[in-house]
Protein backbone atom coordinates (compact mmCIF):
# COMPACT_ATOMS: atom_id res chain seq x y z
CA MET A 1 -58.07 -40.88 -54.52
CA ALA A 2 -61.33 -40.66 -56.58
CA ASN A 3 -63.22 -43.02 -53.95
CA GLU A 4 -61.88 -40.80 -50.98
CA ASN A 5 -63.24 -37.69 -52.72
CA ASP A 6 -66.65 -39.56 -53.26
CA THR A 7 -66.76 -40.42 -49.52
CA LEU A 8 -65.98 -37.10 -48.21
CA SER A 9 -68.52 -35.70 -50.50
CA ASN A 10 -71.11 -38.09 -49.25
CA MET A 11 -70.40 -37.18 -45.93
CA ASP A 12 -70.53 -33.82 -46.37
CA LYS A 13 -74.23 -34.04 -48.09
CA GLU A 14 -75.05 -36.59 -45.24
CA GLU A 15 -74.13 -33.66 -42.76
CA LYS A 16 -75.67 -30.89 -44.63
CA LYS A 17 -78.75 -32.88 -44.69
CA ARG A 18 -78.87 -33.76 -40.79
CA LEU A 19 -78.17 -29.80 -40.24
CA GLU A 20 -81.20 -29.22 -42.11
CA GLU A 21 -83.26 -31.37 -40.61
CA ARG A 22 -82.13 -30.06 -37.34
CA GLU A 23 -82.80 -26.65 -38.13
CA GLN A 24 -86.58 -27.62 -39.30
CA GLU A 25 -87.06 -29.32 -35.81
CA ARG A 26 -85.84 -26.03 -34.18
CA GLU A 27 -88.34 -23.88 -36.62
CA ALA A 28 -91.27 -26.17 -35.68
CA SER A 29 -90.37 -26.53 -32.03
CA ALA A 30 -90.12 -22.17 -32.06
CA LYS A 31 -93.52 -21.87 -33.49
CA LEU A 32 -95.33 -24.31 -31.31
CA GLY A 33 -93.79 -22.53 -28.38
CA GLU A 34 -94.67 -18.92 -29.53
CA LYS A 35 -98.56 -20.46 -29.74
CA ILE A 36 -97.89 -22.03 -26.17
CA MET A 37 -97.27 -18.32 -25.16
CA LYS A 38 -100.72 -17.27 -26.45
CA ILE A 39 -102.66 -19.42 -23.77
CA PRO A 40 -101.30 -17.13 -20.61
CA LYS A 41 -102.45 -14.01 -22.20
CA SER A 42 -105.76 -15.48 -23.34
CA ILE A 43 -106.72 -16.57 -19.88
CA PHE A 44 -105.99 -13.10 -18.32
CA GLY A 45 -108.16 -11.57 -20.95
CA TRP A 46 -111.15 -14.21 -20.63
CA LEU A 47 -110.84 -13.25 -16.89
CA LEU A 48 -110.99 -9.52 -17.08
CA GLY A 49 -113.45 -9.99 -19.67
CA LEU A 50 -115.54 -12.11 -17.78
CA GLY A 51 -115.77 -10.12 -14.85
CA ALA A 52 -116.37 -6.72 -16.68
CA LEU A 53 -119.18 -8.83 -18.69
CA PHE A 54 -121.10 -10.01 -15.16
CA LEU A 55 -120.35 -6.51 -13.99
CA ILE A 56 -122.56 -4.67 -16.47
CA ALA A 57 -125.22 -7.69 -16.86
CA PRO A 58 -127.65 -6.17 -14.27
CA PHE A 59 -127.93 -2.93 -15.96
CA VAL A 60 -128.64 -4.87 -19.34
CA PRO A 61 -132.66 -4.89 -19.67
CA PHE A 62 -133.33 -8.24 -20.59
CA VAL A 63 -130.92 -9.96 -18.00
CA SER A 64 -133.07 -11.43 -15.45
CA GLU A 65 -132.81 -10.88 -11.30
CA PRO A 66 -131.28 -11.14 -9.14
CA ALA A 67 -128.40 -8.51 -9.44
CA TRP A 68 -126.22 -9.70 -6.63
CA LEU A 69 -125.65 -12.56 -8.41
CA TRP A 70 -124.04 -11.17 -11.48
CA ILE A 71 -122.07 -9.07 -9.15
CA PHE A 72 -120.76 -11.97 -7.40
CA LEU A 73 -119.72 -13.36 -10.27
CA SER A 74 -118.01 -10.54 -11.37
CA VAL A 75 -115.94 -10.24 -8.04
CA ILE A 76 -114.79 -13.85 -8.54
CA PHE A 77 -113.65 -13.47 -11.92
CA PHE A 78 -112.11 -10.17 -11.27
CA GLY A 79 -110.33 -11.71 -8.21
CA ASN A 80 -109.17 -14.56 -10.28
CA ALA A 81 -107.77 -12.05 -12.99
CA ILE A 82 -105.80 -9.99 -9.70
CA ALA A 83 -104.47 -13.53 -8.36
CA PHE A 84 -103.22 -14.30 -11.90
CA PHE A 85 -101.36 -11.08 -12.58
CA MET A 86 -99.91 -11.48 -9.05
CA THR A 87 -98.62 -15.07 -9.41
CA GLN A 88 -98.15 -15.86 -13.26
CA LEU A 89 -96.95 -12.30 -14.58
CA LYS A 90 -92.93 -13.18 -14.23
CA THR A 91 -89.87 -11.47 -15.36
CA VAL A 92 -86.85 -12.42 -17.65
CA PRO A 93 -84.36 -9.86 -15.82
CA ALA A 94 -83.01 -7.06 -17.42
CA SER A 95 -79.73 -7.91 -16.01
CA ASN A 96 -76.06 -7.41 -16.75
CA PRO A 97 -75.08 -9.86 -18.54
CA THR A 98 -78.29 -10.12 -20.81
CA SER A 99 -80.61 -12.95 -19.93
CA LYS A 100 -82.93 -15.14 -22.24
CA ALA A 101 -85.94 -17.42 -21.54
CA VAL A 102 -86.97 -20.94 -22.93
CA VAL A 103 -90.51 -21.94 -22.71
CA THR A 104 -91.66 -25.41 -20.98
CA TYR A 105 -94.74 -26.80 -21.23
CA TRP A 106 -95.60 -29.65 -19.16
CA GLY A 107 -91.70 -29.95 -18.54
CA LYS A 108 -90.45 -29.85 -22.18
CA ARG A 109 -88.59 -27.16 -23.44
CA TYR A 110 -89.58 -25.52 -26.68
CA ALA A 111 -87.37 -23.74 -28.84
CA HIS A 112 -89.46 -20.35 -28.44
CA VAL A 113 -86.90 -17.82 -26.80
CA LEU A 114 -88.37 -15.06 -24.66
CA ASP A 115 -86.60 -11.64 -24.25
CA GLU A 116 -85.92 -9.71 -21.07
CA GLY A 117 -89.31 -8.35 -19.56
CA ASP A 118 -92.54 -9.10 -18.07
CA TRP A 119 -94.34 -12.41 -19.62
CA PHE A 120 -97.63 -14.15 -18.22
CA MET A 121 -96.85 -17.80 -17.27
CA ALA A 122 -99.52 -20.59 -16.66
CA ASN A 123 -97.53 -22.68 -14.29
CA PHE A 124 -100.60 -24.52 -12.79
CA LEU A 125 -102.74 -27.48 -13.83
CA PRO A 126 -104.04 -27.96 -16.63
CA PHE A 127 -101.43 -25.79 -18.25
CA ARG A 128 -98.00 -26.03 -16.72
CA ILE A 129 -96.35 -23.42 -18.79
CA ASP A 130 -93.07 -21.70 -17.54
CA PHE A 131 -89.75 -20.77 -18.86
CA ILE A 132 -85.94 -21.34 -17.92
CA VAL A 133 -83.94 -18.20 -17.78
CA VAL A 134 -80.35 -18.58 -19.18
CA SER A 135 -77.52 -16.01 -18.94
CA ILE A 136 -76.45 -14.89 -22.14
CA GLU A 137 -72.73 -13.62 -21.37
CA ASN A 138 -69.13 -14.59 -22.60
CA GLN A 139 -67.52 -16.84 -20.46
CA ASN A 140 -63.63 -17.21 -20.53
CA LEU A 141 -62.11 -20.36 -19.78
CA ASP A 142 -58.63 -20.99 -19.33
CA PHE A 143 -57.42 -24.74 -19.52
CA VAL A 144 -53.72 -25.66 -18.66
CA TYR A 145 -53.14 -29.31 -19.92
CA THR A 146 -49.86 -30.79 -18.71
CA HIS A 147 -47.62 -33.79 -19.66
CA ILE A 148 -48.80 -33.66 -23.28
CA ARG A 149 -46.73 -36.63 -24.48
CA CYS A 150 -44.92 -35.77 -28.28
CA LYS A 151 -43.28 -37.98 -30.36
CA ASP A 152 -39.85 -38.50 -30.46
CA GLU A 153 -37.77 -38.26 -34.24
CA SER A 154 -34.44 -38.23 -32.55
CA ALA A 155 -33.58 -41.81 -31.49
CA PRO A 156 -33.87 -44.27 -34.85
CA GLY A 157 -34.05 -47.51 -32.70
CA THR A 158 -33.09 -50.90 -34.13
CA ASP A 159 -33.93 -52.49 -37.20
CA ASP A 160 -37.10 -54.00 -35.51
CA GLU A 161 -38.13 -50.83 -34.58
CA VAL A 162 -38.25 -48.68 -37.64
CA GLY A 163 -41.42 -46.90 -38.44
CA LYS A 164 -42.51 -47.39 -34.80
CA GLU A 165 -43.50 -44.08 -33.06
CA ARG A 166 -41.27 -43.58 -29.63
CA ALA A 167 -42.54 -41.41 -27.06
CA GLY A 168 -40.69 -38.22 -26.77
CA GLY A 169 -40.72 -35.02 -24.16
CA SER A 170 -43.99 -33.53 -22.50
CA VAL A 171 -45.22 -30.37 -22.98
CA GLU A 172 -47.13 -27.73 -21.00
CA VAL A 173 -49.94 -25.96 -22.82
CA GLU A 174 -52.35 -23.40 -22.08
CA VAL A 175 -55.61 -22.80 -23.92
CA SER A 176 -57.72 -19.82 -23.68
CA VAL A 177 -61.50 -19.85 -25.23
CA THR A 178 -64.22 -17.77 -25.16
CA PHE A 179 -67.95 -18.59 -25.95
CA VAL A 180 -71.40 -17.59 -25.20
CA ALA A 181 -74.78 -19.37 -25.30
CA ASP A 182 -76.28 -19.50 -29.16
CA THR A 183 -79.60 -17.75 -28.57
CA GLU A 184 -81.10 -19.67 -31.39
CA ASN A 185 -80.03 -23.12 -29.70
CA LEU A 186 -80.74 -22.47 -26.22
CA ILE A 187 -82.37 -25.94 -25.23
CA LYS A 188 -79.33 -27.67 -26.47
CA HIS A 189 -77.31 -25.26 -24.20
CA ILE A 190 -79.15 -26.45 -21.26
CA THR A 191 -79.22 -29.92 -22.40
CA ALA A 192 -75.54 -29.93 -22.58
CA GLY A 193 -75.50 -28.60 -19.02
CA GLY A 194 -74.85 -24.73 -19.77
CA ILE A 195 -76.92 -24.04 -16.57
CA SER A 196 -75.87 -27.23 -14.30
CA ARG A 197 -73.49 -26.76 -11.76
CA SER A 198 -70.24 -29.03 -12.43
CA GLU A 199 -69.65 -31.61 -10.08
CA ASN A 200 -66.01 -32.09 -11.24
CA LYS A 201 -63.22 -30.50 -8.58
CA ASN A 202 -61.33 -28.94 -11.66
CA PRO A 203 -60.87 -25.26 -10.61
CA GLU A 204 -61.06 -24.33 -14.27
CA THR A 205 -64.63 -25.88 -14.85
CA LYS A 206 -68.03 -24.47 -13.07
CA THR A 207 -70.68 -26.12 -15.36
CA LEU A 208 -71.37 -29.37 -16.85
CA ILE A 209 -70.36 -27.47 -20.16
CA HIS A 210 -67.48 -26.37 -19.17
CA ASP A 211 -66.20 -29.99 -18.39
CA ILE A 212 -67.03 -30.99 -22.01
CA ILE A 213 -65.07 -28.16 -23.44
CA HIS A 214 -62.35 -28.83 -20.92
CA ASP A 215 -62.13 -32.71 -22.11
CA MET A 216 -62.88 -31.99 -25.96
CA LEU A 217 -59.97 -29.39 -26.27
CA GLY A 218 -57.21 -31.67 -23.99
CA GLU A 219 -58.09 -34.63 -26.41
CA ALA A 220 -57.16 -32.39 -29.28
CA VAL A 221 -54.28 -30.96 -28.07
CA ARG A 222 -53.09 -34.53 -26.94
CA GLN A 223 -53.70 -35.93 -30.42
CA GLU A 224 -51.89 -33.50 -32.01
CA GLY A 225 -48.86 -33.87 -29.45
CA ARG A 226 -48.45 -37.63 -30.80
CA ASN A 227 -47.88 -35.69 -34.36
CA ARG A 228 -45.12 -33.56 -33.26
CA THR A 229 -41.96 -33.29 -31.42
CA TRP A 230 -41.76 -31.55 -28.41
CA GLU A 231 -40.02 -28.74 -30.24
CA ARG A 232 -42.36 -28.44 -32.93
CA MET A 233 -45.13 -27.84 -30.25
CA THR A 234 -43.96 -25.30 -28.81
CA PHE A 235 -43.89 -23.20 -31.94
CA SER A 236 -47.16 -24.50 -33.11
CA GLN A 237 -49.52 -22.27 -31.46
CA LYS A 238 -51.44 -20.75 -34.45
CA ALA A 239 -51.77 -24.65 -35.65
CA LEU A 240 -53.18 -25.29 -32.45
CA ILE A 241 -55.53 -22.56 -32.25
CA GLY A 242 -56.97 -24.13 -36.09
CA ILE A 243 -57.06 -27.68 -34.62
CA ILE A 244 -59.01 -26.82 -31.45
CA LEU A 245 -61.57 -24.43 -33.67
CA GLU A 246 -62.09 -27.40 -35.81
CA LYS A 247 -62.81 -29.57 -33.12
CA LEU A 248 -65.33 -27.08 -31.79
CA ILE A 249 -67.02 -26.24 -35.03
CA GLY A 250 -66.69 -29.93 -36.46
CA LYS A 251 -65.53 -28.42 -39.90
CA LYS A 252 -62.59 -28.08 -41.67
CA ILE A 253 -61.11 -24.28 -42.02
CA PRO A 254 -61.24 -23.30 -45.66
CA GLY A 255 -57.48 -22.76 -47.06
CA MET A 256 -55.86 -25.07 -44.40
CA PRO A 257 -53.60 -28.21 -45.37
CA GLU A 258 -55.08 -31.43 -45.07
CA LYS A 259 -52.62 -32.46 -42.33
CA TRP A 260 -52.04 -29.74 -39.60
CA THR A 261 -48.27 -31.18 -39.22
CA ASP A 262 -47.82 -29.27 -42.85
CA PHE A 263 -49.17 -26.00 -41.45
CA ASN A 264 -46.66 -23.17 -42.17
CA GLU A 265 -46.53 -20.74 -38.75
CA ASP A 266 -45.20 -18.03 -40.84
CA GLY A 267 -46.51 -18.69 -44.57
CA LYS A 268 -49.72 -18.37 -46.27
CA GLU A 269 -51.84 -20.49 -44.24
CA ALA A 270 -51.18 -18.59 -41.16
CA GLY A 271 -52.36 -15.27 -42.82
CA ARG A 272 -55.58 -17.31 -44.05
CA LEU A 273 -56.29 -18.41 -40.48
CA ARG A 274 -55.53 -15.01 -38.95
CA THR A 275 -58.15 -13.49 -41.65
CA TYR A 276 -60.83 -16.27 -41.08
CA LEU A 277 -60.63 -16.23 -37.25
CA GLU A 278 -61.09 -12.13 -37.20
CA LYS A 279 -64.24 -12.61 -39.73
CA THR A 280 -65.87 -15.33 -38.20
CA LEU A 281 -65.12 -14.73 -34.64
CA VAL A 282 -66.65 -11.38 -34.54
CA ASN A 283 -70.39 -12.67 -34.37
CA GLY A 284 -68.91 -16.19 -32.79
CA VAL A 285 -69.22 -19.41 -34.92
CA SER A 286 -71.82 -22.31 -33.74
CA ASP A 287 -70.15 -25.25 -32.49
CA ILE A 288 -71.75 -28.68 -34.17
CA HIS A 289 -71.52 -30.67 -31.00
CA ASP A 290 -75.06 -30.02 -29.86
CA LEU A 291 -73.70 -27.71 -26.99
CA GLY A 292 -75.70 -24.57 -27.93
CA ILE A 293 -72.78 -22.43 -28.09
CA LYS A 294 -71.05 -20.02 -30.34
CA ILE A 295 -67.21 -19.37 -30.15
CA LYS A 296 -66.15 -15.87 -29.61
CA ARG A 297 -62.24 -16.13 -29.48
CA ILE A 298 -59.51 -18.96 -29.17
CA ASN A 299 -55.82 -18.67 -28.14
CA VAL A 300 -53.26 -20.74 -27.36
CA VAL A 301 -51.28 -18.66 -24.56
CA ARG A 302 -48.28 -20.83 -24.14
CA ALA A 303 -46.72 -24.29 -25.44
CA GLU A 304 -43.39 -24.94 -23.45
CA PRO A 305 -41.41 -27.92 -22.03
CA ASP A 306 -42.70 -29.73 -19.10
CA GLY A 307 -40.92 -30.58 -15.90
CA PRO A 308 -37.58 -31.82 -16.06
CA LEU A 309 -37.57 -31.35 -19.78
CA ALA A 310 -38.17 -27.38 -19.21
CA GLU A 311 -35.00 -27.28 -16.65
CA ALA A 312 -33.08 -29.38 -19.63
CA ALA A 313 -34.05 -26.93 -21.96
CA ASN A 314 -33.21 -24.11 -20.23
CA LEU A 315 -29.47 -25.45 -19.51
CA SER A 316 -29.14 -26.22 -23.03
CA ALA A 317 -30.31 -22.75 -24.07
CA ILE A 318 -27.87 -21.47 -21.46
CA GLU A 319 -24.85 -23.55 -22.60
CA LYS A 320 -25.77 -22.31 -26.51
CA GLN A 321 -25.81 -18.76 -25.61
CA GLU A 322 -22.48 -19.00 -23.32
CA ARG A 323 -20.82 -20.75 -26.40
CA ILE A 324 -22.35 -18.22 -28.84
CA ALA A 325 -20.86 -15.24 -26.53
CA GLU A 326 -17.32 -17.29 -26.02
CA LEU A 327 -17.18 -17.42 -30.10
CA VAL A 328 -18.14 -13.81 -30.36
CA GLN A 329 -15.26 -12.90 -27.71
CA THR A 330 -12.90 -15.16 -29.62
CA GLU A 331 -13.74 -13.63 -32.83
CA ALA A 332 -13.20 -10.09 -31.07
CA THR A 333 -9.97 -11.03 -29.77
CA ILE A 334 -8.34 -12.34 -32.96
CA GLU A 335 -9.61 -9.21 -35.17
CA GLN A 336 -8.03 -6.88 -32.34
CA GLY A 337 -5.05 -9.09 -32.31
CA GLU A 338 -4.62 -8.50 -36.10
CA LEU A 339 -4.87 -4.99 -35.65
CA TYR A 340 -1.80 -5.01 -33.57
CA VAL A 341 0.21 -6.91 -35.99
CA LYS A 342 -0.86 -4.46 -38.49
CA ALA A 343 0.08 -1.92 -36.32
CA SER A 344 3.47 -2.99 -35.92
CA LYS A 345 4.46 -3.06 -39.71
CA ASP A 346 8.01 -1.49 -40.40
CA ASN A 347 8.81 0.73 -43.22
CA ASP A 348 9.38 -2.00 -45.37
CA GLY A 349 5.95 -3.51 -44.70
CA ASN A 350 6.95 -6.50 -42.37
CA PRO A 351 5.13 -6.64 -39.13
CA THR A 352 7.36 -6.73 -36.44
CA ILE A 353 5.09 -8.83 -33.78
CA THR A 354 3.55 -12.27 -34.33
CA LEU A 355 -0.21 -13.07 -34.26
CA GLY A 356 0.36 -14.53 -31.05
CA GLU A 357 1.98 -11.88 -29.41
CA GLY A 358 -0.57 -9.61 -30.94
CA LEU A 359 -3.42 -11.97 -29.43
CA ARG A 360 -1.47 -11.68 -25.97
CA VAL A 361 -1.55 -7.74 -26.24
CA SER A 362 -5.45 -8.09 -26.87
CA ARG A 363 -5.98 -10.43 -24.06
CA LEU A 364 -4.34 -8.06 -21.69
CA GLU A 365 -6.23 -5.19 -23.00
CA ARG A 366 -9.58 -6.82 -22.40
CA ASP A 367 -8.95 -8.82 -19.18
CA LYS A 368 -8.27 -6.44 -16.71
CA ASN A 369 -7.71 -8.95 -14.06
CA SER A 370 -4.75 -10.49 -15.90
CA SER A 371 -1.22 -10.16 -14.58
CA GLU A 372 -0.11 -6.79 -16.37
CA VAL A 373 3.30 -5.54 -17.13
CA HIS A 374 3.62 -1.55 -16.71
CA VAL A 375 6.00 0.19 -19.64
CA ASP A 376 6.36 3.72 -19.26
CA SER A 377 5.36 5.03 -22.96
CA SER A 378 7.89 5.95 -25.04
CA GLY A 379 5.42 7.59 -27.48
CA SER A 380 5.94 4.77 -30.23
CA PRO A 381 2.91 2.12 -29.65
CA LEU A 382 5.43 -0.49 -31.70
CA LEU A 383 8.05 0.00 -28.91
CA ASP A 384 5.85 -0.23 -25.88
CA ALA A 385 4.47 -3.53 -27.59
CA ALA A 386 7.86 -4.94 -28.08
CA ALA A 387 8.72 -3.98 -24.30
CA LEU A 388 5.59 -6.23 -23.50
CA PHE A 389 7.03 -9.35 -24.73
CA THR A 390 10.41 -8.82 -23.42
CA ARG A 391 9.31 -8.59 -19.62
CA SER A 392 7.79 -11.34 -17.58
CA PRO A 393 4.01 -10.67 -16.85
CA SER A 394 4.72 -10.88 -13.44
CA THR A 395 7.18 -7.76 -13.37
CA LYS A 396 5.72 -4.50 -12.18
CA ASN A 397 7.53 -1.49 -12.92
CA ASP A 398 6.81 1.99 -11.69
């Protein structure tokens, strides 16, 4: 046990070190990108400055003639400044949803992020400074995973099969996830395919990053199906939410059991998970898979039997409800029959009818379609009940 803890501690230290190195690389890239973005401004400033300098040169006493040469040079630089302004002033659109941009220099991305607005670029030789626009919007994905094979604990098997896993029923799970591009990791978002169109024919995915998330969540759900029976799977929505979130962020949620099969859907763990989700997902939690996204919401919409198993489960539930209804009706009939027996007691406290006779009266009262025996009331319920048993059910008296 001690060795396992030491191993986990070393893994945590290595992961922390890796994250620190990645953060240092990002900061260095952002600083370099910020310096690169000063170049276009400097170019425009120099063009305007030189144009103005050559324009006033002829009026300076110690500057030699001819004046037309200085004016010609001034026109050239002012013209270049105007051309630069017209072609290299580009806009990060102030749209809905919000947009951000990543600086590129000679085709390489830098972590300096540009906000909405106008920016000078220099997308020509020898500078090749430009940007890539990224839409910062909440993206809602709804994935349906069918034929999730669960394990079977109902069949013990032979002695040779003891301890072996058996395939059980399958379930269908619908997962809904909302994420947004992480503005501090837009390069990773672009690299992961956040702005690249998906070539997958799956209608639920639109970009390459959607494909990655779809496969990642499907793997987590299918793996959990191997650990649970289909009955438990259908009541494990909260556990599945935690499993999926851990899969995306790459770390253990505090207060959760080591194995999610030990998660209590109605216990303290569920409350801790709900609190964690409410606090953490407000501003989003970053993934650890270099996708450059922040998770804003996760929900397991449903987990239910799939295909023929769903029909069998429905039939089983219907039969169970019918049995319960029959049991309730039988108990009510017995109680009513006992009341008839109790009401038939004579002055000595002895019942004048049996329980079977009381049940018959109860049945005739409850089942209006049964053959009835009509008896003119004598004013005494005991005599009326006795008359019922002295006549044939098929006899009718007016």
